[in-house]
Amino acid sequence: MNLTITARHFKLPRDLRDYIEEKVQRLERYHDGIMNMEVILGWEKLTRYVEFKVKLNNNQVVLKETSDDLRKSFDLALDRVERQLKRQKEKLRSSDKERIHSA
C-alpha cells in the first residue's frame, strides 16, 4: 500500500505524521485490496479537516471530516474509512458467493 500524507497551509509535525502512519496501517486488515491511500490535512478558518482518498482494486473511497482539532478529524475520518472498507469487502464476498451459487 502506498501512503501519501499532504499538509495544506502548515508544516506537519513529526509526531502527527507518525500517528497517522501507525493508525493507517491497521486499515489493511479490513480490506486487502488497498492500492493507494492519500491523507490530506488542512484548515479553513476555524475548522480543521482531514480528507481520505483510498484507491482499491475495483473502487475508490473518498471522504472528508471536519472538526476543531486535526487529530479528532483524523480519528473520525479513520472510523468512517474502516466502515467503508468493511462494507466494500462484504460486497465483494456476497457477489463471490452469488457467483459460486449460480454457477
Protein backbone atom coordinates (compact mmCIF):
# COMPACT_ATOMS: atom_id res chain seq x y z
CA MET A 1 0.00 0.00 0.00
CA ASN A 2 1.33 3.40 -0.99
CA LEU A 3 0.59 6.12 1.56
CA THR A 4 0.78 9.84 0.79
CA ILE A 5 0.27 12.41 3.55
CA THR A 6 -0.27 16.02 2.49
CA ALA A 7 -0.45 19.01 4.84
CA ARG A 8 -2.06 22.09 3.35
CA HIS A 9 -1.19 25.52 4.72
CA PHE A 10 1.05 24.22 7.52
CA LYS A 11 4.09 22.06 8.24
CA LEU A 12 3.12 18.62 9.50
CA PRO A 13 4.69 17.82 12.89
CA ARG A 14 6.66 14.55 13.02
CA ASP A 15 4.57 13.14 15.89
CA LEU A 16 1.33 13.67 13.95
CA ARG A 17 2.86 12.04 10.83
CA ASP A 18 3.93 9.02 12.92
CA TYR A 19 0.47 8.81 14.50
CA ILE A 20 -1.22 8.83 11.07
CA GLU A 21 1.16 6.23 9.62
CA GLU A 22 0.61 3.92 12.59
CA LYS A 23 -3.19 4.18 12.51
CA VAL A 24 -3.46 3.80 8.73
CA GLN A 25 -1.52 0.51 8.80
CA ARG A 26 -4.41 -1.18 10.61
CA LEU A 27 -6.73 -0.49 7.66
CA GLU A 28 -5.05 -3.29 5.72
CA ARG A 29 -6.76 -5.85 7.92
CA TYR A 30 -10.19 -4.62 6.79
CA HIS A 31 -9.53 -4.81 3.06
CA ASP A 32 -6.59 -6.47 1.34
CA GLY A 33 -7.14 -4.70 -1.99
CA ILE A 34 -5.88 -1.26 -0.93
CA MET A 35 -3.50 0.03 -3.58
CA ASN A 36 -3.03 3.72 -2.74
CA MET A 37 -4.11 5.91 0.13
CA GLU A 38 -3.89 9.67 0.33
CA VAL A 39 -4.48 11.57 3.56
CA ILE A 40 -4.89 15.33 3.18
CA LEU A 41 -4.86 17.55 6.27
CA GLY A 42 -5.63 21.25 6.35
CA TRP A 43 -7.72 24.01 7.80
CA GLU A 44 -10.24 26.56 6.66
CA LYS A 45 -10.81 29.45 9.05
CA LEU A 46 -11.59 27.80 12.41
CA THR A 47 -12.20 24.24 11.24
CA ARG A 48 -9.62 21.52 10.70
CA TYR A 49 -10.28 18.90 8.06
CA VAL A 50 -8.95 15.52 7.03
CA GLU A 51 -9.69 14.02 3.64
CA PHE A 52 -9.10 10.36 2.76
CA LYS A 53 -8.75 9.05 -0.78
CA VAL A 54 -8.43 5.27 -0.82
CA LYS A 55 -7.88 3.53 -4.16
CA LEU A 56 -8.98 -0.11 -4.11
CA ASN A 57 -8.62 -2.77 -6.80
CA ASN A 58 -12.09 -2.13 -8.13
CA ASN A 59 -13.31 1.04 -6.44
CA GLN A 60 -12.37 4.28 -4.70
CA VAL A 61 -13.42 5.62 -1.30
CA VAL A 62 -13.28 9.39 -0.77
CA LEU A 63 -14.45 11.14 2.37
CA LYS A 64 -13.84 14.28 4.39
CA GLU A 65 -14.27 15.02 8.10
CA THR A 66 -14.09 18.37 9.85
CA SER A 67 -13.80 19.41 13.50
CA ASP A 68 -11.91 21.89 15.65
CA ASP A 69 -8.85 19.60 16.06
CA LEU A 70 -6.76 17.75 13.45
CA ARG A 71 -6.39 14.53 15.47
CA LYS A 72 -10.11 14.46 16.20
CA SER A 73 -10.86 14.98 12.49
CA PHE A 74 -8.40 12.23 11.57
CA ASP A 75 -9.90 9.77 14.07
CA LEU A 76 -13.44 10.49 12.84
CA ALA A 77 -12.36 10.04 9.22
CA LEU A 78 -10.46 6.85 10.06
CA ASP A 79 -13.56 5.34 11.66
CA ARG A 80 -15.60 6.17 8.56
CA VAL A 81 -12.94 4.70 6.26
CA GLU A 82 -12.93 1.48 8.33
CA ARG A 83 -16.70 1.18 7.93
CA GLN A 84 -16.49 1.83 4.19
CA LEU A 85 -13.73 -0.74 3.71
CA LYS A 86 -15.68 -3.35 5.68
CA ARG A 87 -18.74 -2.60 3.53
CA GLN A 88 -16.72 -2.92 0.30
CA LYS A 89 -15.19 -6.20 1.46
CA GLU A 90 -18.64 -7.55 2.37
CA LYS A 91 -19.98 -6.60 -1.06
CA LEU A 92 -17.11 -8.50 -2.68
CA ARG A 93 -17.77 -11.56 -0.55
CA SER A 94 -21.51 -11.56 -1.23
CA SER A 95 -21.00 -11.15 -5.00
CA ASP A 96 -18.45 -14.01 -4.95
CA LYS A 97 -20.94 -16.23 -3.10
CA GLU A 98 -23.71 -15.35 -5.59
CA ARG A 99 -21.41 -16.18 -8.50
CA ILE A 100 -20.46 -19.53 -6.96
CA HIS A 101 -24.07 -20.48 -6.17
CA SER A 102 -25.37 -19.51 -9.62
CA ALA A 103 -22.69 -21.47 -11.46
